[in-house]
Amino acid sequence: HDCTTMSDSRKRLALAIVRHLQSELSDGRMEDGTEDSLEVAVECLTNSYGLDLSNTAQMDQLATETSLMEMFESQSRAAAAKSEPASDEISAEDRERAESFKSRGNDLLKNNKFAEALEYYTKAVEINPRDPIYLSNRAAVYSKMRNYQQAIEDCHKALEVDPNFSKAYGRLGFAYMNLNEMGKAKNSYEKALQLDPGNQSYKTCLQVVEQKLASASAESASSPPPSEGERRGAAAGAGPRPSGGGASAGASGGLPGLGGLDMGAFLNNPAMMNMAQSVMSNPAMMNMAASFMSSMTQGGGASGDLFSMGQQMTEQLQRDNPDLLEQMKDQFEGKEGKEDDEKNE
């Protein structure tokens, strides 16, 4: 085939097959002697369809939102649902029970009792598995528990029921972001914003994802091409992002005494810089900052001014952009990634 004129849809399908084969290889579940055959199949597909697995831009362009296995499972569930006789309408009593379970799950989630919240959301889903809110809320708990694959599955189930449910797309983007699948995260956040254009949390997260994609692309352009073995290992599927906290964070630009806050990441985050500019445009904050600097230069105690500034900034963030506040907290505490702090319905 002429790879220069081949349609993107055909290349996208070929890449999905390649990713599936690489996943099979990385899982180590294949029988002895079959690995070489799969590796040859991957090489044949990449050559035949003009796929360069080291080309970040091409991979992002051709990446599908879901894996080939996820597509297959989704279609299998849809086909099974069509073949099953229509279930009886859920009774008013059962609906009330499901809502009660969901509300109880919300309360538990607010108190960080994730395992208990998961139990109650699951009870609600068992009563009414076609309610996208129950599925989306359970996805939020899975993400809190760092079970991002399960969160992705629940988000897809919710979107099968309601393809216009923006919150499911937002939580899908969050799960992909924490699995370092930035191309899929970007697509998810873009769809969430199409449905909910005024959502500041989605805008902030999309900025972070786009920044990471740009950084990865720049790094790829400046680095020598990886070997075939390195490409196979990198493309086999990224796991959860490594922790940026502790000593490593301090070594890479953190400030002593601030729990390893990465100031480089802070200053390079456009959402955080916009927030800082917005806060400092407040005359009261400017006066407090001037007082703080004056106390510092004169050798006086400035802790009171600093505390007041921090308190006001926190209050404004909590009001205007709670997700960004959570992201900053995670920087201080050295967590893997910011939590999905959207309110459940």
C-alpha atoms as a PDB file:
ATOM      1  CA  HIS A   1       0.000   0.000   0.000  1.00  0.00           C
ATOM      2  CA  ASP A   2       1.018   3.631  -0.489  1.00  0.00           C
ATOM      3  CA  CYS A   3       1.427   4.823   3.120  1.00  0.00           C
ATOM      4  CA  THR A   4       1.350   8.514   2.129  1.00  0.00           C
ATOM      5  CA  THR A   5      -2.211   8.254   0.823  1.00  0.00           C
ATOM      6  CA  MET A   6      -3.518   5.703   3.286  1.00  0.00           C
ATOM      7  CA  SER A   7      -6.461   7.019   5.281  1.00  0.00           C
ATOM      8  CA  ASP A   8      -5.955   7.887   8.939  1.00  0.00           C
ATOM      9  CA  SER A   9      -8.808   5.571   9.901  1.00  0.00           C
ATOM     10  CA  ARG A  10      -6.938   2.570   8.500  1.00  0.00           C
ATOM     11  CA  LYS A  11      -3.731   3.641  10.220  1.00  0.00           C
ATOM     12  CA  ARG A  12      -5.645   4.198  13.453  1.00  0.00           C
ATOM     13  CA  LEU A  13      -7.024   0.657  13.296  1.00  0.00           C
ATOM     14  CA  ALA A  14      -3.557  -0.741  12.550  1.00  0.00           C
ATOM     15  CA  LEU A  15      -2.108   1.155  15.521  1.00  0.00           C
ATOM     16  CA  ALA A  16      -4.876  -0.162  17.790  1.00  0.00           C
ATOM     17  CA  ILE A  17      -3.970  -3.717  16.732  1.00  0.00           C
ATOM     18  CA  VAL A  18      -0.260  -3.032  17.320  1.00  0.00           C
ATOM     19  CA  ARG A  19      -0.989  -1.644  20.799  1.00  0.00           C
ATOM     20  CA  HIS A  20      -3.087  -4.697  21.616  1.00  0.00           C
ATOM     21  CA  LEU A  21      -0.342  -7.087  20.502  1.00  0.00           C
ATOM     22  CA  GLN A  22       2.248  -5.157  22.523  1.00  0.00           C
ATOM     23  CA  SER A  23      -0.023  -5.320  25.551  1.00  0.00           C
ATOM     24  CA  GLU A  24      -0.292  -9.088  25.135  1.00  0.00           C
ATOM     25  CA  LEU A  25       3.502  -9.306  24.975  1.00  0.00           C
ATOM     26  CA  SER A  26       4.030  -7.140  28.057  1.00  0.00           C
ATOM     27  CA  ASP A  27       1.497  -9.082  30.133  1.00  0.00           C
ATOM     28  CA  GLY A  28       3.608 -12.205  29.867  1.00  0.00           C
ATOM     29  CA  ARG A  29       0.562 -14.428  29.437  1.00  0.00           C
ATOM     30  CA  MET A  30       1.475 -15.826  26.032  1.00  0.00           C
ATOM     31  CA  GLU A  31       2.628 -19.416  25.667  1.00  0.00           C
ATOM     32  CA  ASP A  32       6.315 -20.072  25.170  1.00  0.00           C
ATOM     33  CA  GLY A  33       7.374 -19.686  21.560  1.00  0.00           C
ATOM     34  CA  THR A  34       4.594 -17.304  20.538  1.00  0.00           C
ATOM     35  CA  GLU A  35       6.329 -14.055  21.547  1.00  0.00           C
ATOM     36  CA  ASP A  36       8.547 -14.033  18.462  1.00  0.00           C
ATOM     37  CA  SER A  37       5.526 -14.444  16.206  1.00  0.00           C
ATOM     38  CA  LEU A  38       3.763 -11.480  17.810  1.00  0.00           C
ATOM     39  CA  GLU A  39       6.880  -9.323  17.556  1.00  0.00           C
ATOM     40  CA  VAL A  40       7.116 -10.149  13.838  1.00  0.00           C
ATOM     41  CA  ALA A  41       3.430  -9.259  13.433  1.00  0.00           C
ATOM     42  CA  VAL A  42       4.024  -5.886  15.135  1.00  0.00           C
ATOM     43  CA  GLU A  43       6.991  -5.167  12.864  1.00  0.00           C
ATOM     44  CA  CYS A  44       5.020  -6.121   9.750  1.00  0.00           C
ATOM     45  CA  LEU A  45       2.085  -3.900  10.693  1.00  0.00           C
ATOM     46  CA  THR A  46       4.237  -0.878  11.531  1.00  0.00           C
ATOM     47  CA  ASN A  47       6.151  -1.199   8.244  1.00  0.00           C
ATOM     48  CA  SER A  48       3.075  -1.864   6.111  1.00  0.00           C
ATOM     49  CA  TYR A  49       1.062   1.042   7.536  1.00  0.00           C
ATOM     50  CA  GLY A  50       3.883   3.554   7.918  1.00  0.00           C
ATOM     51  CA  LEU A  51       3.702   3.709  11.721  1.00  0.00           C
ATOM     52  CA  ASP A  52       6.632   5.195  13.617  1.00  0.00           C
ATOM     53  CA  LEU A  53       6.154   4.245  17.273  1.00  0.00           C
ATOM     54  CA  SER A  54       8.848   6.732  18.323  1.00  0.00           C
ATOM     55  CA  ASN A  55       7.024   9.632  16.639  1.00  0.00           C
ATOM     56  CA  THR A  56       5.039  11.200  19.494  1.00  0.00           C
ATOM     57  CA  ALA A  57       3.106  13.551  17.216  1.00  0.00           C
ATOM     58  CA  GLN A  58       1.970  10.737  14.910  1.00  0.00           C
ATOM     59  CA  MET A  59       1.071   8.487  17.843  1.00  0.00           C
ATOM     60  CA  ASP A  60      -1.044  11.236  19.464  1.00  0.00           C
ATOM     61  CA  GLN A  61      -2.778  11.922  16.156  1.00  0.00           C
ATOM     62  CA  LEU A  62      -3.646   8.277  15.535  1.00  0.00           C
ATOM     63  CA  ALA A  63      -4.348   7.206  19.141  1.00  0.00           C
ATOM     64  CA  THR A  64      -7.850   5.928  19.809  1.00  0.00           C
ATOM     65  CA  GLU A  65      -9.708   6.930  22.940  1.00  0.00           C
ATOM     66  CA  THR A  66     -10.164   3.305  23.953  1.00  0.00           C
ATOM     67  CA  SER A  67      -8.024   0.237  23.446  1.00  0.00           C
ATOM     68  CA  LEU A  68      -8.965  -2.506  21.000  1.00  0.00           C
ATOM     69  CA  MET A  69      -9.892  -4.801  23.894  1.00  0.00           C
ATOM     70  CA  GLU A  70     -12.089  -2.087  25.435  1.00  0.00           C
ATOM     71  CA  MET A  71     -13.834  -1.580  22.087  1.00  0.00           C
ATOM     72  CA  PHE A  72     -14.440  -5.303  21.776  1.00  0.00           C
ATOM     73  CA  GLU A  73     -15.766  -5.603  25.325  1.00  0.00           C
ATOM     74  CA  SER A  74     -18.021  -2.574  24.843  1.00  0.00           C
ATOM     75  CA  GLN A  75     -19.491  -4.002  21.658  1.00  0.00           C
ATOM     76  CA  SER A  76     -19.912  -7.400  23.311  1.00  0.00           C
ATOM     77  CA  ARG A  77     -21.827  -5.832  26.196  1.00  0.00           C
ATOM     78  CA  ALA A  78     -24.004  -3.861  23.797  1.00  0.00           C
ATOM     79  CA  ALA A  79     -24.768  -6.971  21.758  1.00  0.00           C
ATOM     80  CA  ALA A  80     -25.572  -8.950  24.902  1.00  0.00           C
ATOM     81  CA  ALA A  81     -27.884  -6.189  26.111  1.00  0.00           C
ATOM     82  CA  LYS A  82     -29.769  -6.204  22.817  1.00  0.00           C
ATOM     83  CA  SER A  83     -30.200  -9.973  22.913  1.00  0.00           C
ATOM     84  CA  GLU A  84     -31.577  -9.946  26.460  1.00  0.00           C
ATOM     85  CA  PRO A  85     -35.273  -9.373  26.995  1.00  0.00           C
ATOM     86  CA  ALA A  86     -36.144  -5.943  28.283  1.00  0.00           C
ATOM     87  CA  SER A  87     -36.041  -5.868  32.059  1.00  0.00           C
ATOM     88  CA  ASP A  88     -39.007  -4.751  34.072  1.00  0.00           C
ATOM     89  CA  GLU A  89     -39.221  -1.102  35.015  1.00  0.00           C
ATOM     90  CA  ILE A  90     -37.429  -0.386  38.284  1.00  0.00           C
ATOM     91  CA  SER A  91     -39.973   0.118  41.023  1.00  0.00           C
ATOM     92  CA  ALA A  92     -40.279   3.414  42.856  1.00  0.00           C
ATOM     93  CA  GLU A  93     -39.183   1.669  46.040  1.00  0.00           C
ATOM     94  CA  ASP A  94     -36.011   0.338  44.400  1.00  0.00           C
ATOM     95  CA  ARG A  95     -35.247   3.753  42.908  1.00  0.00           C
ATOM     96  CA  GLU A  96     -35.522   5.280  46.358  1.00  0.00           C
ATOM     97  CA  ARG A  97     -33.203   2.627  47.791  1.00  0.00           C
ATOM     98  CA  ALA A  98     -30.667   3.257  45.039  1.00  0.00           C
ATOM     99  CA  GLU A  99     -30.764   7.011  45.677  1.00  0.00           C
ATOM    100  CA  SER A 100     -30.284   6.366  49.377  1.00  0.00           C
ATOM    101  CA  PHE A 101     -27.223   4.203  48.676  1.00  0.00           C
ATOM    102  CA  LYS A 102     -25.824   6.853  46.349  1.00  0.00           C
ATOM    103  CA  SER A 103     -26.285   9.617  48.958  1.00  0.00           C
ATOM    104  CA  ARG A 104     -24.630   7.472  51.594  1.00  0.00           C
ATOM    105  CA  GLY A 105     -21.736   6.867  49.192  1.00  0.00           C
ATOM    106  CA  ASN A 106     -21.380  10.629  48.638  1.00  0.00           C
ATOM    107  CA  ASP A 107     -21.155  11.254  52.381  1.00  0.00           C
ATOM    108  CA  LEU A 108     -18.546   8.532  52.837  1.00  0.00           C
ATOM    109  CA  LEU A 109     -16.488   9.828  49.916  1.00  0.00           C
ATOM    110  CA  LYS A 110     -16.423  13.326  51.417  1.00  0.00           C
ATOM    111  CA  ASN A 111     -14.942  11.788  54.563  1.00  0.00           C
ATOM    112  CA  ASN A 112     -12.316   9.870  52.544  1.00  0.00           C
ATOM    113  CA  LYS A 113     -13.829   6.493  53.428  1.00  0.00           C
ATOM    114  CA  PHE A 114     -13.260   5.138  49.965  1.00  0.00           C
ATOM    115  CA  ALA A 115     -13.840   1.413  50.516  1.00  0.00           C
ATOM    116  CA  GLU A 116     -17.164   2.059  52.223  1.00  0.00           C
ATOM    117  CA  ALA A 117     -18.195   4.581  49.567  1.00  0.00           C
ATOM    118  CA  LEU A 118     -17.387   2.029  46.867  1.00  0.00           C
ATOM    119  CA  GLU A 119     -19.622  -0.507  48.578  1.00  0.00           C
ATOM    120  CA  TYR A 120     -22.629   1.836  48.620  1.00  0.00           C
ATOM    121  CA  TYR A 121     -22.152   3.071  45.055  1.00  0.00           C
ATOM    122  CA  THR A 122     -21.958  -0.554  43.936  1.00  0.00           C
ATOM    123  CA  LYS A 123     -25.241  -1.276  45.710  1.00  0.00           C
ATOM    124  CA  ALA A 124     -26.836   1.600  43.793  1.00  0.00           C
ATOM    125  CA  VAL A 125     -25.397   0.331  40.502  1.00  0.00           C
ATOM    126  CA  GLU A 126     -26.698  -3.186  41.179  1.00  0.00           C
ATOM    127  CA  ILE A 127     -30.212  -1.815  41.592  1.00  0.00           C
ATOM    128  CA  ASN A 128     -30.030   0.438  38.549  1.00  0.00           C
ATOM    129  CA  PRO A 129     -27.022  -0.334  36.311  1.00  0.00           C
ATOM    130  CA  ARG A 130     -28.303   2.082  33.649  1.00  0.00           C
ATOM    131  CA  ASP A 131     -27.940   5.213  35.762  1.00  0.00           C
ATOM    132  CA  PRO A 132     -24.861   7.113  34.506  1.00  0.00           C
ATOM    133  CA  ILE A 133     -24.549   9.130  37.727  1.00  0.00           C
ATOM    134  CA  TYR A 134     -24.090   6.009  39.853  1.00  0.00           C
ATOM    135  CA  LEU A 135     -21.439   4.727  37.449  1.00  0.00           C
ATOM    136  CA  SER A 136     -19.652   8.070  37.293  1.00  0.00           C
ATOM    137  CA  ASN A 137     -19.629   8.435  41.064  1.00  0.00           C
ATOM    138  CA  ARG A 138     -18.198   4.956  41.426  1.00  0.00           C
ATOM    139  CA  ALA A 139     -15.535   5.869  38.863  1.00  0.00           C
ATOM    140  CA  ALA A 140     -14.565   8.797  41.104  1.00  0.00           C
ATOM    141  CA  VAL A 141     -14.049   6.407  44.025  1.00  0.00           C
ATOM    142  CA  TYR A 142     -11.969   4.040  41.908  1.00  0.00           C
ATOM    143  CA  SER A 143      -9.740   6.973  40.972  1.00  0.00           C
ATOM    144  CA  LYS A 144      -9.401   7.957  44.628  1.00  0.00           C
ATOM    145  CA  MET A 145      -8.258   4.381  45.270  1.00  0.00           C
ATOM    146  CA  ARG A 146      -5.797   4.613  42.337  1.00  0.00           C
ATOM    147  CA  ASN A 147      -7.736   1.934  40.449  1.00  0.00           C
ATOM    148  CA  TYR A 148      -7.741   3.921  37.224  1.00  0.00           C
ATOM    149  CA  GLN A 149      -8.510   1.052  34.847  1.00  0.00           C
ATOM    150  CA  GLN A 150     -11.713   0.278  36.719  1.00  0.00           C
ATOM    151  CA  ALA A 151     -12.578   3.984  36.725  1.00  0.00           C
ATOM    152  CA  ILE A 152     -12.154   4.045  32.937  1.00  0.00           C
ATOM    153  CA  GLU A 153     -14.485   1.077  32.557  1.00  0.00           C
ATOM    154  CA  ASP A 154     -17.208   2.732  34.668  1.00  0.00           C
ATOM    155  CA  CYS A 155     -16.864   5.992  32.722  1.00  0.00           C
ATOM    156  CA  HIS A 156     -17.333   4.137  29.444  1.00  0.00           C
ATOM    157  CA  LYS A 157     -20.400   2.380  30.847  1.00  0.00           C
ATOM    158  CA  ALA A 158     -21.839   5.746  31.892  1.00  0.00           C
ATOM    159  CA  LEU A 159     -21.188   7.185  28.424  1.00  0.00           C
ATOM    160  CA  GLU A 160     -22.872   4.225  26.786  1.00  0.00           C
ATOM    161  CA  VAL A 161     -26.016   5.223  28.680  1.00  0.00           C
ATOM    162  CA  ASP A 162     -25.589   8.989  28.237  1.00  0.00           C
ATOM    163  CA  PRO A 163     -23.075  10.032  25.548  1.00  0.00           C
ATOM    164  CA  ASN A 164     -23.521  13.690  26.574  1.00  0.00           C
ATOM    165  CA  PHE A 165     -22.570  13.242  30.233  1.00  0.00           C
ATOM    166  CA  SER A 166     -19.702  15.730  30.591  1.00  0.00           C
ATOM    167  CA  LYS A 167     -18.685  14.610  34.078  1.00  0.00           C
ATOM    168  CA  ALA A 168     -18.009  11.074  32.830  1.00  0.00           C
ATOM    169  CA  TYR A 169     -15.692  12.504  30.152  1.00  0.00           C
ATOM    170  CA  GLY A 170     -13.946  14.619  32.795  1.00  0.00           C
ATOM    171  CA  ARG A 171     -13.363  11.641  35.051  1.00  0.00           C
ATOM    172  CA  LEU A 172     -12.254   9.576  32.084  1.00  0.00           C
ATOM    173  CA  GLY A 173      -9.664  12.242  31.288  1.00  0.00           C
ATOM    174  CA  PHE A 174      -8.488  12.247  34.895  1.00  0.00           C
ATOM    175  CA  ALA A 175      -7.991   8.463  34.913  1.00  0.00           C
ATOM    176  CA  TYR A 176      -6.090   8.524  31.618  1.00  0.00           C
ATOM    177  CA  MET A 177      -3.938  11.411  32.879  1.00  0.00           C
ATOM    178  CA  ASN A 178      -2.908   9.412  35.939  1.00  0.00           C
ATOM    179  CA  LEU A 179      -2.021   6.451  33.711  1.00  0.00           C
ATOM    180  CA  ASN A 180       0.146   8.853  31.696  1.00  0.00           C
ATOM    181  CA  GLU A 181      -2.001   8.270  28.596  1.00  0.00           C
ATOM    182  CA  MET A 182      -1.996  11.967  27.715  1.00  0.00           C
ATOM    183  CA  GLY A 183      -3.396  11.642  24.190  1.00  0.00           C
ATOM    184  CA  LYS A 184      -6.529   9.928  25.492  1.00  0.00           C
ATOM    185  CA  ALA A 185      -6.724  12.349  28.431  1.00  0.00           C
ATOM    186  CA  LYS A 186      -6.623  15.294  26.027  1.00  0.00           C
ATOM    187  CA  ASN A 187      -9.430  13.851  23.884  1.00  0.00           C
ATOM    188  CA  SER A 188     -11.561  13.211  26.973  1.00  0.00           C
ATOM    189  CA  TYR A 189     -11.122  16.692  28.411  1.00  0.00           C
ATOM    190  CA  GLU A 190     -11.838  18.280  25.048  1.00  0.00           C
ATOM    191  CA  LYS A 191     -15.115  16.374  24.825  1.00  0.00           C
ATOM    192  CA  ALA A 192     -15.944  17.337  28.410  1.00  0.00           C
ATOM    193  CA  LEU A 193     -15.397  20.996  27.542  1.00  0.00           C
ATOM    194  CA  GLN A 194     -17.521  20.742  24.406  1.00  0.00           C
ATOM    195  CA  LEU A 195     -20.400  19.653  26.630  1.00  0.00           C
ATOM    196  CA  ASP A 196     -19.575  21.984  29.551  1.00  0.00           C
ATOM    197  CA  PRO A 197     -17.576  24.925  28.121  1.00  0.00           C
ATOM    198  CA  GLY A 198     -17.573  26.942  31.342  1.00  0.00           C
ATOM    199  CA  ASN A 199     -16.052  24.247  33.577  1.00  0.00           C
ATOM    200  CA  GLN A 200     -12.805  25.697  34.927  1.00  0.00           C
ATOM    201  CA  SER A 201     -11.589  22.346  36.252  1.00  0.00           C
ATOM    202  CA  TYR A 202     -11.663  20.816  32.776  1.00  0.00           C
ATOM    203  CA  LYS A 203      -9.850  23.850  31.346  1.00  0.00           C
ATOM    204  CA  THR A 204      -7.149  23.590  33.990  1.00  0.00           C
ATOM    205  CA  CYS A 205      -6.644  19.864  33.482  1.00  0.00           C
ATOM    206  CA  LEU A 206      -6.566  20.246  29.694  1.00  0.00           C
ATOM    207  CA  GLN A 207      -3.834  22.892  30.064  1.00  0.00           C
ATOM    208  CA  VAL A 208      -1.795  20.513  32.212  1.00  0.00           C
ATOM    209  CA  VAL A 209      -2.237  17.654  29.730  1.00  0.00           C
ATOM    210  CA  GLU A 210      -1.334  19.830  26.724  1.00  0.00           C
ATOM    211  CA  GLN A 211       1.748  21.065  28.555  1.00  0.00           C
ATOM    212  CA  LYS A 212       2.871  17.494  29.261  1.00  0.00           C
ATOM    213  CA  LEU A 213       2.276  16.504  25.625  1.00  0.00           C
ATOM    214  CA  ALA A 214       4.302  19.492  24.421  1.00  0.00           C
ATOM    215  CA  SER A 215       7.121  18.651  26.830  1.00  0.00           C
ATOM    216  CA  ALA A 216       7.140  15.024  25.699  1.00  0.00           C
ATOM    217  CA  SER A 217       7.191  16.078  22.048  1.00  0.00           C
ATOM    218  CA  ALA A 218      10.080  18.487  22.629  1.00  0.00           C
ATOM    219  CA  GLU A 219      12.017  15.853  24.545  1.00  0.00           C
ATOM    220  CA  SER A 220      11.387  13.298  21.817  1.00  0.00           C
ATOM    221  CA  ALA A 221      12.630  15.724  19.144  1.00  0.00           C
ATOM    222  CA  SER A 222      15.859  16.430  21.052  1.00  0.00           C
ATOM    223  CA  SER A 223      16.610  12.809  21.969  1.00  0.00           C
ATOM    224  CA  PRO A 224      18.196  10.173  19.703  1.00  0.00           C
ATOM    225  CA  PRO A 225      15.775   7.581  18.292  1.00  0.00           C
ATOM    226  CA  PRO A 226      15.318   4.654  20.704  1.00  0.00           C
ATOM    227  CA  SER A 227      16.280   1.153  19.764  1.00  0.00           C
ATOM    228  CA  GLU A 228      13.636  -1.314  18.606  1.00  0.00           C
ATOM    229  CA  GLY A 229      13.722  -3.034  22.009  1.00  0.00           C
ATOM    230  CA  GLU A 230      13.235   0.280  23.826  1.00  0.00           C
ATOM    231  CA  ARG A 231      10.334   1.200  21.530  1.00  0.00           C
ATOM    232  CA  ARG A 232       8.620  -2.114  22.241  1.00  0.00           C
ATOM    233  CA  GLY A 233       9.017  -1.658  25.975  1.00  0.00           C
ATOM    234  CA  ALA A 234       7.810   1.960  25.991  1.00  0.00           C
ATOM    235  CA  ALA A 235       4.847   1.283  23.752  1.00  0.00           C
ATOM    236  CA  ALA A 236       3.665  -1.730  25.718  1.00  0.00           C
ATOM    237  CA  GLY A 237       1.571   0.535  27.910  1.00  0.00           C
ATOM    238  CA  ALA A 238       2.407   3.082  30.588  1.00  0.00           C
ATOM    239  CA  GLY A 239       1.589   2.377  34.209  1.00  0.00           C
ATOM    240  CA  PRO A 240       0.691   4.863  36.908  1.00  0.00           C
ATOM    241  CA  ARG A 241       2.936   7.866  37.057  1.00  0.00           C
ATOM    242  CA  PRO A 242       5.865   7.603  39.454  1.00  0.00           C
ATOM    243  CA  SER A 243       5.655   9.614  42.602  1.00  0.00           C
ATOM    244  CA  GLY A 244       7.220  13.037  42.422  1.00  0.00           C
ATOM    245  CA  GLY A 245       7.453  13.500  46.181  1.00  0.00           C
ATOM    246  CA  GLY A 246      10.087  12.965  48.807  1.00  0.00           C
ATOM    247  CA  ALA A 247      13.726  13.539  48.176  1.00  0.00           C
ATOM    248  CA  SER A 248      13.433  13.338  44.422  1.00  0.00           C
ATOM    249  CA  ALA A 249      11.089  16.283  44.327  1.00  0.00           C
ATOM    250  CA  GLY A 250      13.460  18.379  46.385  1.00  0.00           C
ATOM    251  CA  ALA A 251      16.357  17.383  44.150  1.00  0.00           C
ATOM    252  CA  SER A 252      14.492  18.441  41.022  1.00  0.00           C
ATOM    253  CA  GLY A 253      13.670  21.967  42.097  1.00  0.00           C
ATOM    254  CA  GLY A 254      11.694  21.632  45.314  1.00  0.00           C
ATOM    255  CA  LEU A 255      11.979  24.114  48.143  1.00  0.00           C
ATOM    256  CA  PRO A 256      13.295  22.919  51.524  1.00  0.00           C
ATOM    257  CA  GLY A 257      10.689  23.009  54.228  1.00  0.00           C
ATOM    258  CA  LEU A 258       7.752  23.093  51.819  1.00  0.00           C
ATOM    259  CA  GLY A 259       7.219  19.351  51.510  1.00  0.00           C
ATOM    260  CA  GLY A 260       9.011  19.150  48.146  1.00  0.00           C
ATOM    261  CA  LEU A 261       6.967  21.738  46.193  1.00  0.00           C
ATOM    262  CA  ASP A 262       8.283  21.662  42.632  1.00  0.00           C
ATOM    263  CA  MET A 263       8.565  25.385  41.829  1.00  0.00           C
ATOM    264  CA  GLY A 264       9.589  24.642  38.247  1.00  0.00           C
ATOM    265  CA  ALA A 265       6.327  22.785  37.645  1.00  0.00           C
ATOM    266  CA  PHE A 266       4.438  25.534  39.493  1.00  0.00           C
ATOM    267  CA  LEU A 267       5.879  28.373  37.413  1.00  0.00           C
ATOM    268  CA  ASN A 268       5.457  26.464  34.155  1.00  0.00           C
ATOM    269  CA  ASN A 269       1.786  25.687  34.842  1.00  0.00           C
ATOM    270  CA  PRO A 270      -0.242  28.395  33.037  1.00  0.00           C
ATOM    271  CA  ALA A 271      -3.314  27.750  35.165  1.00  0.00           C
ATOM    272  CA  MET A 272      -1.370  28.317  38.378  1.00  0.00           C
ATOM    273  CA  MET A 273       0.281  31.465  37.042  1.00  0.00           C
ATOM    274  CA  ASN A 274      -3.093  32.856  35.940  1.00  0.00           C
ATOM    275  CA  MET A 275      -4.385  32.166  39.429  1.00  0.00           C
ATOM    276  CA  ALA A 276      -1.430  33.971  41.012  1.00  0.00           C
ATOM    277  CA  GLN A 277      -1.906  37.003  38.758  1.00  0.00           C
ATOM    278  CA  SER A 278      -5.601  37.087  39.597  1.00  0.00           C
ATOM    279  CA  VAL A 279      -4.933  36.912  43.327  1.00  0.00           C
ATOM    280  CA  MET A 280      -2.236  39.593  43.282  1.00  0.00           C
ATOM    281  CA  SER A 281      -4.480  41.973  41.306  1.00  0.00           C
ATOM    282  CA  ASN A 282      -6.511  42.287  44.515  1.00  0.00           C
ATOM    283  CA  PRO A 283      -5.423  45.585  46.216  1.00  0.00           C
ATOM    284  CA  ALA A 284      -5.704  44.037  49.692  1.00  0.00           C
ATOM    285  CA  MET A 285      -3.381  41.205  48.667  1.00  0.00           C
ATOM    286  CA  MET A 286      -0.896  43.686  47.161  1.00  0.00           C
ATOM    287  CA  ASN A 287      -0.831  45.661  50.428  1.00  0.00           C
ATOM    288  CA  MET A 288      -0.288  42.474  52.399  1.00  0.00           C
ATOM    289  CA  ALA A 289       2.546  41.444  50.087  1.00  0.00           C
ATOM    290  CA  ALA A 290       4.198  44.861  50.486  1.00  0.00           C
ATOM    291  CA  SER A 291       3.890  44.621  54.277  1.00  0.00           C
ATOM    292  CA  PHE A 292       5.352  41.121  54.211  1.00  0.00           C
ATOM    293  CA  MET A 293       8.367  42.205  52.126  1.00  0.00           C
ATOM    294  CA  SER A 294       8.906  45.251  54.342  1.00  0.00           C
ATOM    295  CA  SER A 295       8.927  43.069  57.468  1.00  0.00           C
ATOM    296  CA  MET A 296      11.376  40.681  55.853  1.00  0.00           C
ATOM    297  CA  THR A 297      13.839  43.429  54.823  1.00  0.00           C
ATOM    298  CA  GLN A 298      13.669  45.049  58.263  1.00  0.00           C
ATOM    299  CA  GLY A 299      14.239  41.744  60.024  1.00  0.00           C
ATOM    300  CA  GLY A 300      10.851  41.705  61.699  1.00  0.00           C
ATOM    301  CA  GLY A 301       8.418  38.853  62.037  1.00  0.00           C
ATOM    302  CA  ALA A 302       6.321  38.437  58.887  1.00  0.00           C
ATOM    303  CA  SER A 303       4.588  35.169  59.719  1.00  0.00           C
ATOM    304  CA  GLY A 304       1.241  36.864  60.395  1.00  0.00           C
ATOM    305  CA  ASP A 305       1.176  38.571  56.984  1.00  0.00           C
ATOM    306  CA  LEU A 306       2.260  35.383  55.259  1.00  0.00           C
ATOM    307  CA  PHE A 307      -0.446  33.380  57.015  1.00  0.00           C
ATOM    308  CA  SER A 308      -3.122  35.927  56.037  1.00  0.00           C
ATOM    309  CA  MET A 309      -1.972  35.913  52.414  1.00  0.00           C
ATOM    310  CA  GLY A 310      -2.036  32.140  52.289  1.00  0.00           C
ATOM    311  CA  GLN A 311      -5.444  31.998  53.910  1.00  0.00           C
ATOM    312  CA  GLN A 312      -6.971  34.483  51.441  1.00  0.00           C
ATOM    313  CA  MET A 313      -5.396  32.743  48.459  1.00  0.00           C
ATOM    314  CA  THR A 314      -6.768  29.410  49.682  1.00  0.00           C
ATOM    315  CA  GLU A 315     -10.242  30.857  50.137  1.00  0.00           C
ATOM    316  CA  GLN A 316     -10.241  32.355  46.649  1.00  0.00           C
ATOM    317  CA  LEU A 317      -9.028  29.115  45.089  1.00  0.00           C
ATOM    318  CA  GLN A 318     -11.592  27.052  46.979  1.00  0.00           C
ATOM    319  CA  ARG A 319     -14.259  29.358  45.613  1.00  0.00           C
ATOM    320  CA  ASP A 320     -12.999  29.768  42.023  1.00  0.00           C
ATOM    321  CA  ASN A 321     -11.126  26.556  41.206  1.00  0.00           C
ATOM    322  CA  PRO A 322     -11.141  23.766  43.827  1.00  0.00           C
ATOM    323  CA  ASP A 323      -9.369  21.333  41.466  1.00  0.00           C
ATOM    324  CA  LEU A 324      -6.391  23.685  41.130  1.00  0.00           C
ATOM    325  CA  LEU A 325      -6.248  24.020  44.917  1.00  0.00           C
ATOM    326  CA  GLU A 326      -6.127  20.216  45.204  1.00  0.00           C
ATOM    327  CA  GLN A 327      -3.354  20.115  42.608  1.00  0.00           C
ATOM    328  CA  MET A 328      -1.296  22.606  44.635  1.00  0.00           C
ATOM    329  CA  LYS A 329      -1.882  20.588  47.820  1.00  0.00           C
ATOM    330  CA  ASP A 330      -0.589  17.476  46.060  1.00  0.00           C
ATOM    331  CA  GLN A 331       2.547  19.379  44.994  1.00  0.00           C
ATOM    332  CA  PHE A 332       3.218  20.263  48.645  1.00  0.00           C
ATOM    333  CA  GLU A 333       2.482  16.758  49.896  1.00  0.00           C
ATOM    334  CA  GLY A 334       4.382  15.004  47.097  1.00  0.00           C
ATOM    335  CA  LYS A 335       1.461  12.911  45.867  1.00  0.00           C
ATOM    336  CA  GLU A 336       1.462  11.097  42.527  1.00  0.00           C
ATOM    337  CA  GLY A 337      -1.187  13.244  40.905  1.00  0.00           C
ATOM    338  CA  LYS A 338      -4.010  15.537  41.849  1.00  0.00           C
ATOM    339  CA  GLU A 339      -7.254  14.003  42.956  1.00  0.00           C
ATOM    340  CA  ASP A 340     -10.469  14.233  40.997  1.00  0.00           C
ATOM    341  CA  ASP A 341     -12.196  16.630  43.366  1.00  0.00           C
ATOM    342  CA  GLU A 342     -15.421  17.173  41.469  1.00  0.00           C
ATOM    343  CA  LYS A 343     -18.547  16.986  43.562  1.00  0.00           C
ATOM    344  CA  ASN A 344     -20.615  13.883  43.031  1.00  0.00           C
ATOM    345  CA  GLU A 345     -24.230  14.202  42.125  1.00  0.00           C
END
